[in-house]
N, C-alpha and C. Protein backbone atom coordinates (compact mmCIF):
# COMPACT_ATOMS: atom_id res chain seq x y z
N MET A 1 48.05 19.70 -108.34
CA MET A 1 48.74 20.81 -108.46
C MET A 1 48.03 21.80 -109.70
N ASP A 2 47.66 23.21 -109.44
CA ASP A 2 46.82 23.98 -110.39
C ASP A 2 47.94 24.66 -111.38
N LEU A 3 48.15 24.15 -112.54
CA LEU A 3 49.21 24.84 -113.14
C LEU A 3 48.69 25.78 -113.81
N ASP A 4 47.39 26.20 -114.00
CA ASP A 4 46.97 27.60 -114.28
C ASP A 4 47.14 28.59 -113.21
N LYS A 5 46.92 28.27 -111.89
CA LYS A 5 47.05 29.12 -110.99
C LYS A 5 48.75 29.67 -110.76
N GLU A 6 49.63 28.45 -111.07
CA GLU A 6 51.03 28.64 -110.98
C GLU A 6 51.60 29.52 -112.09
N ARG A 7 50.57 29.49 -113.26
CA ARG A 7 51.42 30.00 -114.39
C ARG A 7 50.95 31.69 -114.19
N ALA A 8 49.62 31.95 -113.62
CA ALA A 8 49.21 33.41 -113.36
C ALA A 8 50.10 33.86 -112.38
N SER A 9 50.65 33.16 -111.26
CA SER A 9 51.50 33.64 -110.19
C SER A 9 52.80 33.84 -110.82
N MET A 10 53.13 33.17 -111.72
CA MET A 10 54.56 33.52 -112.30
C MET A 10 54.39 34.66 -113.05
N VAL A 11 53.43 35.02 -113.80
CA VAL A 11 53.43 36.43 -114.53
C VAL A 11 53.45 37.22 -113.58
N GLU A 12 52.63 37.46 -112.50
CA GLU A 12 52.44 38.34 -111.58
C GLU A 12 53.77 38.80 -110.66
N HIS A 13 54.51 37.52 -110.10
CA HIS A 13 55.68 37.67 -109.25
C HIS A 13 56.63 37.55 -110.00
N GLN A 14 57.11 36.84 -111.02
CA GLN A 14 58.46 36.84 -111.70
C GLN A 14 58.37 37.81 -112.71
N LEU A 15 57.34 37.88 -113.42
CA LEU A 15 57.61 38.97 -114.69
C LEU A 15 57.07 40.52 -114.22
N ARG A 16 55.99 40.80 -113.93
CA ARG A 16 55.16 41.85 -113.66
C ARG A 16 56.04 42.67 -112.68
N ARG A 17 56.31 42.04 -111.46
CA ARG A 17 56.95 43.01 -110.53
C ARG A 17 58.41 42.97 -110.66
N ARG A 18 58.82 42.34 -111.91
CA ARG A 18 60.46 42.68 -112.01
C ARG A 18 60.42 43.62 -113.24
N GLY A 19 59.29 44.20 -113.57
CA GLY A 19 59.65 45.10 -114.61
C GLY A 19 58.98 44.82 -116.14
N ILE A 20 58.74 43.68 -116.24
CA ILE A 20 57.96 43.12 -117.62
C ILE A 20 56.63 44.12 -117.79
N ALA A 21 56.74 44.84 -118.76
CA ALA A 21 55.55 45.85 -118.56
C ALA A 21 54.64 45.73 -119.86
N ASP A 22 55.24 44.93 -120.96
CA ASP A 22 54.33 44.98 -122.16
C ASP A 22 53.38 43.91 -121.97
N SER A 23 52.16 44.61 -122.27
CA SER A 23 50.87 43.72 -121.94
C SER A 23 50.84 42.69 -122.81
N ARG A 24 51.16 42.60 -124.08
CA ARG A 24 51.01 41.52 -125.02
C ARG A 24 52.14 40.49 -124.65
N VAL A 25 53.05 40.86 -124.07
CA VAL A 25 54.33 39.79 -123.58
C VAL A 25 53.46 39.08 -122.26
N LEU A 26 52.98 40.00 -121.52
CA LEU A 26 52.28 39.32 -120.20
C LEU A 26 51.31 38.22 -120.62
N ALA A 27 50.62 38.82 -121.85
CA ALA A 27 49.34 37.77 -122.09
C ALA A 27 49.87 36.63 -122.64
N ALA A 28 50.94 36.81 -123.39
CA ALA A 28 51.12 35.79 -123.89
C ALA A 28 52.05 34.68 -123.10
N MET A 29 52.80 34.93 -122.09
CA MET A 29 53.40 34.25 -121.08
C MET A 29 52.25 33.67 -120.00
N GLY A 30 51.21 34.28 -119.93
CA GLY A 30 49.98 33.51 -119.31
C GLY A 30 49.27 32.69 -119.80
N GLU A 31 49.39 32.59 -121.30
CA GLU A 31 48.39 31.86 -122.12
C GLU A 31 49.22 30.46 -122.53
N VAL A 32 50.51 30.79 -122.91
CA VAL A 32 51.37 29.40 -123.26
C VAL A 32 51.64 28.25 -121.96
N PRO A 33 51.23 27.04 -122.00
CA PRO A 33 51.56 26.12 -121.12
C PRO A 33 53.02 25.56 -121.04
N ARG A 34 54.04 26.39 -120.49
CA ARG A 34 55.13 26.04 -120.16
C ARG A 34 55.38 24.45 -119.77
N GLU A 35 54.58 23.99 -119.15
CA GLU A 35 54.62 22.49 -118.66
C GLU A 35 54.52 21.55 -120.04
N ALA A 36 53.97 21.99 -120.92
CA ALA A 36 53.75 21.19 -122.04
C ALA A 36 55.42 21.10 -122.82
N PHE A 37 56.22 22.11 -122.61
CA PHE A 37 57.66 22.05 -123.09
C PHE A 37 58.61 21.41 -121.96
N VAL A 38 58.28 21.41 -120.80
CA VAL A 38 59.08 20.55 -119.89
C VAL A 38 59.17 19.21 -119.99
N PRO A 39 60.22 18.57 -119.66
CA PRO A 39 60.26 17.00 -119.73
C PRO A 39 59.65 16.50 -118.44
N ASP A 40 59.10 15.34 -118.56
CA ASP A 40 57.93 14.84 -117.72
C ASP A 40 58.66 14.68 -116.34
N ALA A 41 59.88 14.50 -115.93
CA ALA A 41 60.65 14.60 -114.76
C ALA A 41 60.55 15.85 -114.04
N ASN A 42 60.44 16.93 -114.88
CA ASN A 42 60.31 18.27 -114.14
C ASN A 42 58.86 19.17 -114.37
N LYS A 43 57.72 18.49 -114.80
CA LYS A 43 56.66 19.24 -114.92
C LYS A 43 56.23 19.87 -113.53
N LYS A 44 56.39 19.28 -112.62
CA LYS A 44 56.06 19.86 -111.17
C LYS A 44 57.02 21.15 -110.85
N GLN A 45 57.98 21.56 -111.55
CA GLN A 45 58.59 22.55 -111.80
C GLN A 45 58.59 23.41 -112.62
N ALA A 46 57.46 23.25 -113.69
CA ALA A 46 57.39 24.05 -114.93
C ALA A 46 57.47 25.52 -114.75
N TYR A 47 56.87 26.20 -113.36
CA TYR A 47 56.75 27.53 -113.26
C TYR A 47 57.93 28.00 -112.25
N ALA A 48 58.87 27.30 -112.13
CA ALA A 48 59.92 27.72 -111.12
C ALA A 48 60.61 28.86 -111.57
N ASP A 49 61.20 29.71 -110.73
CA ASP A 49 61.86 30.79 -111.04
C ASP A 49 63.40 30.50 -111.61
N GLY A 50 63.28 29.70 -112.81
CA GLY A 50 64.99 29.25 -113.18
C GLY A 50 64.66 28.55 -114.47
N ALA A 51 65.88 28.24 -115.01
CA ALA A 51 66.08 27.14 -116.25
C ALA A 51 65.78 26.00 -115.96
N LEU A 52 65.48 25.09 -116.67
CA LEU A 52 65.03 23.68 -116.48
C LEU A 52 65.71 22.84 -117.52
N PRO A 53 66.28 21.71 -117.11
CA PRO A 53 67.14 20.86 -118.09
C PRO A 53 66.50 20.29 -118.96
N LEU A 54 66.89 20.28 -120.33
CA LEU A 54 66.31 19.36 -121.58
C LEU A 54 67.60 18.19 -121.91
N SER A 55 67.15 17.50 -122.77
CA SER A 55 68.21 16.55 -123.19
C SER A 55 69.25 17.21 -124.14
N HIS A 56 70.45 16.36 -124.02
CA HIS A 56 71.59 16.90 -124.87
C HIS A 56 72.21 18.05 -124.06
N GLY A 57 72.08 18.49 -122.78
CA GLY A 57 72.70 19.53 -122.40
C GLY A 57 72.06 20.78 -122.26
N GLN A 58 70.89 20.79 -122.88
CA GLN A 58 70.32 22.18 -123.25
C GLN A 58 69.29 22.43 -122.32
N THR A 59 68.74 23.67 -122.24
CA THR A 59 67.94 24.09 -121.00
C THR A 59 66.48 24.65 -121.61
N ILE A 60 65.57 25.02 -120.90
CA ILE A 60 64.36 25.68 -121.08
C ILE A 60 64.44 26.95 -120.22
N SER A 61 64.72 28.12 -120.95
CA SER A 61 65.26 29.46 -120.14
C SER A 61 64.19 29.68 -119.07
N GLN A 62 64.96 30.35 -118.15
CA GLN A 62 64.06 31.14 -117.03
C GLN A 62 62.95 31.88 -117.49
N PRO A 63 61.91 31.70 -117.27
CA PRO A 63 60.70 32.61 -117.78
C PRO A 63 60.76 34.16 -117.72
N LEU A 64 61.56 34.50 -116.68
CA LEU A 64 62.07 35.98 -116.91
C LEU A 64 63.01 36.28 -118.16
N MET A 65 63.74 35.37 -118.34
CA MET A 65 64.70 35.73 -119.47
C MET A 65 64.08 35.63 -120.78
N VAL A 66 62.89 34.66 -120.62
CA VAL A 66 62.28 34.63 -122.08
C VAL A 66 61.51 35.74 -122.30
N ALA A 67 60.63 36.38 -121.13
CA ALA A 67 59.79 37.51 -121.35
C ALA A 67 60.87 38.77 -121.47
N MET A 68 62.06 38.95 -120.99
CA MET A 68 62.85 39.95 -121.42
C MET A 68 63.32 40.11 -122.56
N SER A 69 63.78 39.05 -123.22
CA SER A 69 64.14 38.83 -124.45
C SER A 69 63.16 39.30 -125.67
N VAL A 70 61.93 38.76 -125.26
CA VAL A 70 60.86 38.88 -126.53
C VAL A 70 60.24 40.43 -126.26
N GLU A 71 60.30 41.11 -125.04
CA GLU A 71 59.95 42.29 -124.86
C GLU A 71 60.82 43.23 -125.46
N ALA A 72 62.20 43.05 -125.54
CA ALA A 72 63.09 43.93 -126.13
C ALA A 72 62.89 43.94 -127.42
N LEU A 73 62.33 43.04 -128.22
CA LEU A 73 62.13 42.96 -129.58
C LEU A 73 60.99 44.09 -130.28
N GLY A 74 60.15 44.49 -129.14
CA GLY A 74 59.22 45.47 -129.42
C GLY A 74 58.31 45.02 -130.44
N LEU A 75 57.69 43.91 -130.30
CA LEU A 75 56.78 43.04 -131.49
C LEU A 75 55.58 43.91 -131.11
N GLU A 76 54.67 44.07 -132.46
CA GLU A 76 53.32 44.48 -132.39
C GLU A 76 52.37 43.74 -133.37
N GLY A 77 52.89 42.61 -133.72
CA GLY A 77 51.88 41.83 -134.08
C GLY A 77 52.08 41.29 -135.88
N ASP A 78 52.65 42.14 -136.49
CA ASP A 78 52.76 41.84 -138.01
C ASP A 78 54.12 41.72 -138.29
N GLU A 79 55.19 41.19 -137.43
CA GLU A 79 56.67 41.01 -137.75
C GLU A 79 56.60 39.69 -138.37
N THR A 80 58.01 39.44 -138.83
CA THR A 80 58.45 38.26 -139.02
C THR A 80 59.69 38.09 -138.28
N VAL A 81 59.82 36.91 -137.49
CA VAL A 81 60.74 36.92 -136.46
C VAL A 81 61.78 35.66 -136.87
N LEU A 82 62.79 35.70 -136.22
CA LEU A 82 63.91 34.55 -136.51
C LEU A 82 64.41 34.31 -134.85
N GLU A 83 64.08 33.14 -134.43
CA GLU A 83 64.89 32.77 -133.24
C GLU A 83 65.78 31.57 -133.65
N VAL A 84 66.75 31.96 -132.50
CA VAL A 84 68.08 30.83 -133.14
C VAL A 84 68.07 30.28 -131.80
N GLY A 85 68.19 28.79 -131.75
CA GLY A 85 68.22 28.05 -130.28
C GLY A 85 66.76 27.78 -129.65
N ALA A 86 66.13 27.14 -130.70
CA ALA A 86 64.57 26.97 -130.57
C ALA A 86 64.40 26.16 -129.19
N GLY A 87 65.34 25.20 -128.82
CA GLY A 87 65.27 24.07 -127.86
C GLY A 87 63.91 23.39 -127.81
N SER A 88 63.30 23.91 -126.63
CA SER A 88 61.99 23.00 -126.25
C SER A 88 61.01 23.30 -127.32
N GLY A 89 61.08 24.56 -127.85
CA GLY A 89 59.87 25.37 -128.65
C GLY A 89 58.97 26.19 -127.76
N TYR A 90 59.54 26.53 -126.54
CA TYR A 90 58.62 27.27 -125.87
C TYR A 90 58.60 28.86 -126.06
N GLN A 91 60.01 29.28 -126.45
CA GLN A 91 59.96 30.61 -126.59
C GLN A 91 59.32 30.81 -127.89
N ALA A 92 59.65 30.10 -128.97
CA ALA A 92 58.76 30.13 -130.21
C ALA A 92 57.21 30.19 -129.91
N ALA A 93 56.82 29.33 -128.96
CA ALA A 93 55.33 29.52 -128.73
C ALA A 93 54.74 30.84 -128.22
N ILE A 94 55.76 31.09 -127.43
CA ILE A 94 55.53 33.01 -126.75
C ILE A 94 55.37 33.62 -128.03
N LEU A 95 56.62 33.54 -129.00
CA LEU A 95 56.55 34.65 -130.08
C LEU A 95 55.37 34.61 -131.10
N SER A 96 54.93 33.28 -131.04
CA SER A 96 53.86 32.90 -132.09
C SER A 96 52.57 33.76 -131.91
N LYS A 97 52.40 34.09 -130.53
CA LYS A 97 51.57 34.97 -129.99
C LYS A 97 51.63 36.52 -130.41
N LEU A 98 52.94 36.90 -130.56
CA LEU A 98 53.42 38.17 -130.74
C LEU A 98 54.01 38.82 -132.08
N ALA A 99 54.11 37.65 -133.14
CA ALA A 99 54.44 38.11 -134.48
C ALA A 99 53.66 37.43 -135.28
N LYS A 100 53.55 37.74 -136.65
CA LYS A 100 52.94 37.17 -137.70
C LYS A 100 53.46 35.83 -137.97
N LYS A 101 54.67 35.61 -138.24
CA LYS A 101 55.50 34.64 -138.64
C LYS A 101 56.77 34.43 -137.94
N VAL A 102 57.13 33.01 -137.31
CA VAL A 102 57.90 32.92 -136.39
C VAL A 102 58.87 31.80 -137.26
N TYR A 103 60.41 31.71 -137.53
CA TYR A 103 61.35 31.03 -138.03
C TYR A 103 62.08 30.44 -136.90
N ALA A 104 62.26 29.20 -136.50
CA ALA A 104 63.20 28.94 -135.14
C ALA A 104 63.96 27.75 -135.78
N ILE A 105 65.23 28.20 -135.22
CA ILE A 105 66.22 27.12 -135.77
C ILE A 105 66.71 26.43 -134.48
N GLU A 106 67.02 25.37 -134.89
CA GLU A 106 67.55 24.20 -133.87
C GLU A 106 68.55 23.18 -134.25
N ILE A 107 69.76 23.34 -133.79
CA ILE A 107 70.67 22.40 -134.65
C ILE A 107 70.52 20.61 -134.05
N ILE A 108 69.72 20.41 -132.90
CA ILE A 108 69.79 19.10 -132.36
C ILE A 108 68.35 18.38 -133.00
N PRO A 109 68.48 17.14 -133.76
CA PRO A 109 67.24 16.89 -134.59
C PRO A 109 66.36 16.54 -133.55
N GLU A 110 66.75 15.83 -132.26
CA GLU A 110 65.81 15.10 -131.32
C GLU A 110 64.83 16.41 -130.93
N LEU A 111 65.52 17.51 -130.41
CA LEU A 111 64.58 18.61 -129.91
C LEU A 111 63.90 19.55 -130.85
N VAL A 112 64.40 19.17 -132.08
CA VAL A 112 63.63 19.72 -133.39
C VAL A 112 61.87 19.05 -133.36
N ALA A 113 62.27 17.58 -133.41
CA ALA A 113 61.03 16.57 -133.45
C ALA A 113 60.15 16.94 -132.23
N ASN A 114 60.80 17.21 -131.19
CA ASN A 114 60.07 17.37 -129.95
C ASN A 114 59.10 18.52 -129.98
N ALA A 115 60.03 19.54 -130.32
CA ALA A 115 59.32 20.96 -130.52
C ALA A 115 58.20 21.07 -131.32
N ARG A 116 58.52 20.42 -132.53
CA ARG A 116 57.42 20.43 -133.60
C ARG A 116 56.22 19.85 -132.95
N ARG A 117 56.34 18.53 -132.33
CA ARG A 117 55.20 17.79 -131.79
C ARG A 117 54.20 18.51 -130.73
N VAL A 118 55.17 19.38 -129.77
CA VAL A 118 54.41 20.02 -128.91
C VAL A 118 53.52 21.23 -129.44
N LEU A 119 54.52 21.86 -130.43
CA LEU A 119 53.52 23.00 -131.14
C LEU A 119 52.35 22.64 -131.90
N ASP A 120 52.40 21.45 -132.57
CA ASP A 120 51.33 21.05 -133.16
C ASP A 120 50.25 20.67 -132.17
N SER A 121 50.82 20.14 -131.27
CA SER A 121 49.58 19.55 -130.30
C SER A 121 48.80 20.92 -129.60
N LEU A 122 49.53 21.91 -129.62
CA LEU A 122 48.94 23.17 -129.00
C LEU A 122 48.17 24.08 -130.11
N GLY A 123 48.22 23.36 -131.43
CA GLY A 123 47.62 24.30 -132.48
C GLY A 123 48.13 25.72 -132.92
N ILE A 124 49.53 25.53 -132.78
CA ILE A 124 50.36 26.70 -133.20
C ILE A 124 50.98 26.36 -134.44
N ASN A 125 50.43 27.25 -135.37
CA ASN A 125 50.64 26.85 -136.91
C ASN A 125 51.24 28.10 -137.81
N ASN A 126 51.77 29.27 -137.01
CA ASN A 126 52.65 30.19 -137.62
C ASN A 126 54.11 30.13 -137.26
N VAL A 127 54.42 28.90 -136.60
CA VAL A 127 56.00 28.74 -136.41
C VAL A 127 56.24 27.53 -137.19
N GLU A 128 57.71 27.80 -137.73
CA GLU A 128 58.31 26.77 -138.40
C GLU A 128 59.67 26.39 -137.75
N ILE A 129 59.77 25.13 -137.23
CA ILE A 129 60.87 24.70 -136.79
C ILE A 129 62.01 24.22 -137.57
N ILE A 130 63.20 24.67 -137.78
CA ILE A 130 64.16 24.44 -138.73
C ILE A 130 65.35 23.72 -138.33
N CYS A 131 65.87 22.60 -138.56
CA CYS A 131 66.93 21.80 -138.05
C CYS A 131 68.22 22.34 -138.81
N ALA A 132 68.94 23.43 -138.34
CA ALA A 132 69.98 23.92 -138.99
C ALA A 132 71.08 24.61 -138.22
N ASP A 133 72.00 25.05 -138.41
CA ASP A 133 73.21 25.93 -137.92
C ASP A 133 72.87 27.33 -137.51
N GLY A 134 72.40 27.62 -136.55
CA GLY A 134 71.65 29.04 -135.93
C GLY A 134 72.82 30.17 -136.39
N ARG A 135 73.99 29.78 -136.65
CA ARG A 135 74.96 31.01 -136.81
C ARG A 135 74.92 31.37 -138.18
N LYS A 136 74.01 30.73 -139.30
CA LYS A 136 73.97 30.98 -140.41
C LYS A 136 72.60 31.65 -140.48
N GLY A 137 71.68 31.82 -139.31
CA GLY A 137 70.66 32.36 -139.71
C GLY A 137 69.75 31.43 -140.43
N TRP A 138 68.73 32.26 -141.28
CA TRP A 138 67.95 31.29 -142.03
C TRP A 138 67.39 32.48 -143.29
N PRO A 139 68.48 32.38 -144.37
CA PRO A 139 68.24 33.14 -145.54
C PRO A 139 66.89 33.24 -146.12
N GLU A 140 66.14 31.99 -146.31
CA GLU A 140 65.07 31.71 -146.87
C GLU A 140 63.68 32.69 -146.40
N GLY A 141 64.03 33.12 -145.05
CA GLY A 141 62.84 34.20 -144.32
C GLY A 141 62.91 35.32 -144.25
N ALA A 142 64.30 35.67 -144.58
CA ALA A 142 64.78 37.06 -144.44
C ALA A 142 64.32 37.93 -145.40
N PRO A 143 64.57 39.49 -145.20
CA PRO A 143 64.77 40.00 -143.87
C PRO A 143 63.69 39.93 -142.86
N TYR A 144 64.34 40.03 -141.66
CA TYR A 144 63.72 39.87 -140.21
C TYR A 144 63.25 41.12 -139.49
N ASP A 145 62.09 41.13 -139.01
CA ASP A 145 61.77 42.52 -138.31
C ASP A 145 62.70 42.28 -136.67
N GLY A 146 62.68 41.22 -136.55
CA GLY A 146 63.29 40.91 -135.29
C GLY A 146 64.06 39.33 -135.36
N ILE A 147 65.19 39.43 -134.25
CA ILE A 147 65.97 38.12 -134.29
C ILE A 147 66.25 38.20 -132.85
N VAL A 148 65.95 36.62 -132.40
CA VAL A 148 66.34 36.40 -130.92
C VAL A 148 66.88 35.30 -130.50
N VAL A 149 68.20 35.34 -130.14
CA VAL A 149 68.99 34.34 -129.83
C VAL A 149 69.00 33.64 -128.33
N ALA A 150 68.73 32.44 -128.21
CA ALA A 150 68.47 31.71 -127.12
C ALA A 150 69.75 30.82 -126.61
N ALA A 151 70.90 31.20 -127.34
CA ALA A 151 72.27 30.48 -126.68
C ALA A 151 73.35 31.60 -127.01
N ALA A 152 74.27 31.34 -126.07
CA ALA A 152 75.36 32.28 -126.03
C ALA A 152 76.39 32.70 -127.10
N ALA A 153 76.93 33.68 -127.62
CA ALA A 153 77.99 33.36 -128.77
C ALA A 153 78.86 34.55 -128.06
N GLU A 154 80.14 34.28 -128.66
CA GLU A 154 80.96 35.34 -128.03
C GLU A 154 81.21 36.30 -128.96
N GLU A 155 80.51 36.43 -129.92
CA GLU A 155 80.28 37.42 -130.76
C GLU A 155 79.32 37.56 -131.72
N VAL A 156 78.43 38.34 -132.08
CA VAL A 156 77.40 38.44 -132.75
C VAL A 156 77.77 38.00 -134.21
N PRO A 157 76.94 36.65 -134.71
CA PRO A 157 77.17 36.25 -136.08
C PRO A 157 76.58 37.02 -137.07
N GLN A 158 77.70 37.43 -137.95
CA GLN A 158 77.75 38.36 -139.11
C GLN A 158 76.12 38.32 -139.93
N ALA A 159 76.07 36.76 -140.20
CA ALA A 159 74.79 36.57 -141.06
C ALA A 159 73.68 36.95 -140.24
N LEU A 160 73.48 36.90 -139.00
CA LEU A 160 72.25 37.48 -138.48
C LEU A 160 72.00 39.07 -138.75
N ILE A 161 73.29 39.74 -138.47
CA ILE A 161 73.11 41.09 -138.76
C ILE A 161 72.67 41.45 -140.35
N GLU A 162 73.36 40.43 -141.06
CA GLU A 162 72.84 40.61 -142.59
C GLU A 162 71.41 40.35 -142.93
N GLN A 163 70.53 39.41 -142.08
CA GLN A 163 69.25 39.07 -142.21
C GLN A 163 68.47 39.91 -141.45
N LEU A 164 68.71 41.00 -140.92
CA LEU A 164 67.89 41.65 -140.10
C LEU A 164 67.61 43.00 -140.87
N LYS A 165 66.33 43.27 -140.92
CA LYS A 165 66.06 44.39 -141.63
C LYS A 165 66.60 45.82 -141.08
N GLU A 166 66.71 46.76 -141.96
CA GLU A 166 67.10 48.12 -141.38
C GLU A 166 66.24 48.54 -140.38
N GLY A 167 66.59 48.92 -139.05
CA GLY A 167 65.55 49.23 -137.89
C GLY A 167 65.37 48.01 -137.29
N GLY A 168 65.75 46.92 -137.68
CA GLY A 168 65.03 45.81 -137.19
C GLY A 168 66.18 45.35 -135.67
N ARG A 169 65.50 44.56 -135.09
CA ARG A 169 66.08 44.46 -133.75
C ARG A 169 66.73 43.13 -133.54
N LEU A 170 67.60 42.72 -132.61
CA LEU A 170 68.40 41.68 -132.43
C LEU A 170 68.87 41.67 -131.02
N VAL A 171 68.38 40.63 -130.32
CA VAL A 171 68.56 40.24 -128.96
C VAL A 171 69.25 38.97 -128.76
N ILE A 172 70.56 39.10 -127.97
CA ILE A 172 71.37 37.88 -128.14
C ILE A 172 72.24 38.20 -126.80
N PRO A 173 72.50 36.90 -126.17
CA PRO A 173 73.55 37.03 -125.22
C PRO A 173 74.99 36.72 -125.51
N VAL A 174 75.79 37.83 -125.18
CA VAL A 174 77.25 37.67 -125.86
C VAL A 174 78.13 37.61 -124.51
N GLY A 175 79.08 36.61 -125.09
CA GLY A 175 80.31 36.41 -124.02
C GLY A 175 80.63 35.04 -123.75
N GLY A 176 81.58 34.66 -123.11
CA GLY A 176 81.94 33.22 -122.71
C GLY A 176 81.17 32.62 -121.95
N ARG A 177 81.48 31.42 -121.77
CA ARG A 177 80.60 30.44 -120.92
C ARG A 177 80.09 30.90 -119.69
N TRP A 178 80.70 31.70 -118.82
CA TRP A 178 80.51 32.08 -117.50
C TRP A 178 80.27 33.56 -117.53
N GLY A 179 80.44 34.32 -118.43
CA GLY A 179 80.20 35.62 -118.42
C GLY A 179 79.57 36.46 -119.49
N GLN A 180 78.60 36.43 -119.63
CA GLN A 180 77.50 37.16 -120.88
C GLN A 180 76.79 38.13 -120.46
N SER A 181 76.31 38.80 -121.49
CA SER A 181 75.45 39.98 -121.22
C SER A 181 74.46 39.86 -122.05
N LEU A 182 73.08 40.20 -122.00
CA LEU A 182 72.28 39.91 -122.71
C LEU A 182 72.04 41.48 -123.30
N GLN A 183 72.45 41.44 -124.87
CA GLN A 183 72.25 42.72 -125.67
C GLN A 183 71.18 42.84 -126.67
N ALA A 184 70.71 43.96 -126.61
CA ALA A 184 69.58 44.52 -127.40
C ALA A 184 69.93 45.44 -128.57
N SER A 185 69.86 44.85 -129.86
CA SER A 185 70.48 45.98 -130.77
C SER A 185 69.59 46.29 -131.67
N ARG A 186 69.67 47.34 -132.33
CA ARG A 186 68.84 47.71 -133.65
C ARG A 186 69.86 48.07 -134.95
N ARG A 187 69.40 47.73 -136.09
CA ARG A 187 70.52 47.71 -137.20
C ARG A 187 70.11 49.14 -137.81
N ARG A 188 71.27 49.87 -137.84
CA ARG A 188 71.24 51.06 -138.65
C ARG A 188 72.46 51.17 -139.55
N GLY A 189 72.13 50.72 -140.87
CA GLY A 189 72.76 50.16 -141.93
C GLY A 189 73.70 49.05 -141.74
N ASP A 190 74.94 49.14 -141.94
CA ASP A 190 75.69 48.04 -141.60
C ASP A 190 75.96 47.70 -140.16
N LYS A 191 75.60 48.55 -139.36
CA LYS A 191 76.17 48.42 -137.87
C LYS A 191 75.22 48.42 -137.05
N LEU A 192 75.16 47.81 -135.86
CA LEU A 192 74.45 47.63 -134.46
C LEU A 192 74.41 48.69 -133.74
N GLU A 193 73.23 49.40 -133.12
CA GLU A 193 73.27 50.37 -131.90
C GLU A 193 72.94 49.16 -130.92
N THR A 194 73.58 49.20 -129.90
CA THR A 194 73.72 47.96 -128.93
C THR A 194 73.35 48.77 -127.43
N ASP A 195 72.51 48.34 -126.87
CA ASP A 195 72.05 48.39 -125.44
C ASP A 195 72.44 47.18 -124.66
N GLU A 196 73.05 47.28 -123.21
CA GLU A 196 73.33 45.89 -122.61
C GLU A 196 72.29 46.06 -121.47
N LEU A 197 71.33 44.81 -121.52
CA LEU A 197 70.34 44.75 -120.64
C LEU A 197 70.64 44.43 -119.33
N CYS A 198 71.47 43.11 -119.27
CA CYS A 198 71.60 42.48 -117.96
C CYS A 198 72.71 41.45 -118.08
N GLY A 199 73.58 41.14 -116.90
CA GLY A 199 74.23 39.86 -116.98
C GLY A 199 73.34 38.71 -117.11
N VAL A 200 73.81 37.75 -117.65
CA VAL A 200 73.25 36.42 -118.04
C VAL A 200 74.26 35.14 -118.05
N VAL A 201 73.54 34.12 -117.94
CA VAL A 201 74.26 32.85 -118.15
C VAL A 201 73.56 31.88 -118.99
N PHE A 202 73.66 31.48 -120.19
CA PHE A 202 73.03 30.90 -121.27
C PHE A 202 73.83 29.85 -121.45
N VAL A 203 73.43 28.69 -122.07
CA VAL A 203 74.03 27.56 -122.57
C VAL A 203 74.78 28.23 -124.10
N PRO A 204 75.73 27.63 -124.51
CA PRO A 204 76.47 27.89 -125.50
C PRO A 204 75.97 27.54 -126.77
N LEU A 205 76.11 28.66 -127.80
CA LEU A 205 75.68 28.31 -129.11
C LEU A 205 76.25 27.13 -129.75
N VAL A 206 75.48 26.10 -130.03
CA VAL A 206 75.97 24.98 -130.63
C VAL A 206 76.41 25.25 -132.16
N TYR A 207 77.41 24.94 -132.43
CA TYR A 207 78.14 25.11 -133.83
C TYR A 207 77.96 23.90 -134.73
N GLY A 208 77.52 23.90 -136.01
CA GLY A 208 77.43 22.78 -136.87
C GLY A 208 78.93 22.52 -137.38
N SER A 209 79.04 21.50 -138.14
CA SER A 209 80.29 21.17 -138.78
C SER A 209 80.70 21.97 -140.10
């Protein structure tokens, strides 16, 4: 199996032909080896057009969802970004190619340890994986130019709005377990100007105690 060819095919057929147009996003998706973040049992499906299971009931998101989410941030390369719900670390690796600094929060310690290991093995050194409750954001790195959430919340956590720069962008799936919309917002004062991108199904945001 030629995973490099499968990755290139994924970029062309799953992303470019479905409307992903940001050349930097397409390049990052073509560079980062998704198979490094996929459990051994599913490596042959690393470039399948769908989410794949991780441990603890979590998933690695469909490539199109990753590309759509990071494209909506509108990154140019000098930003500081917060990711909530790091999971496998794959989306953080994509963000590492698009932003200057990435803070990625994951509440499940085993996933944190694995994501750190894989990112280290790939020589990615501008991502900090943090074991914490994503609803609270990460004040130590704020304010952020962009925040992307890879798990669904019934409403946008207030802490994330507060940690977003004026004019910064927030991308988050909002809704219940089976009915969510991927929303892209920009902070204007204390409020968000929001567009709905599409309907989605993400795993729910895991709450800390």
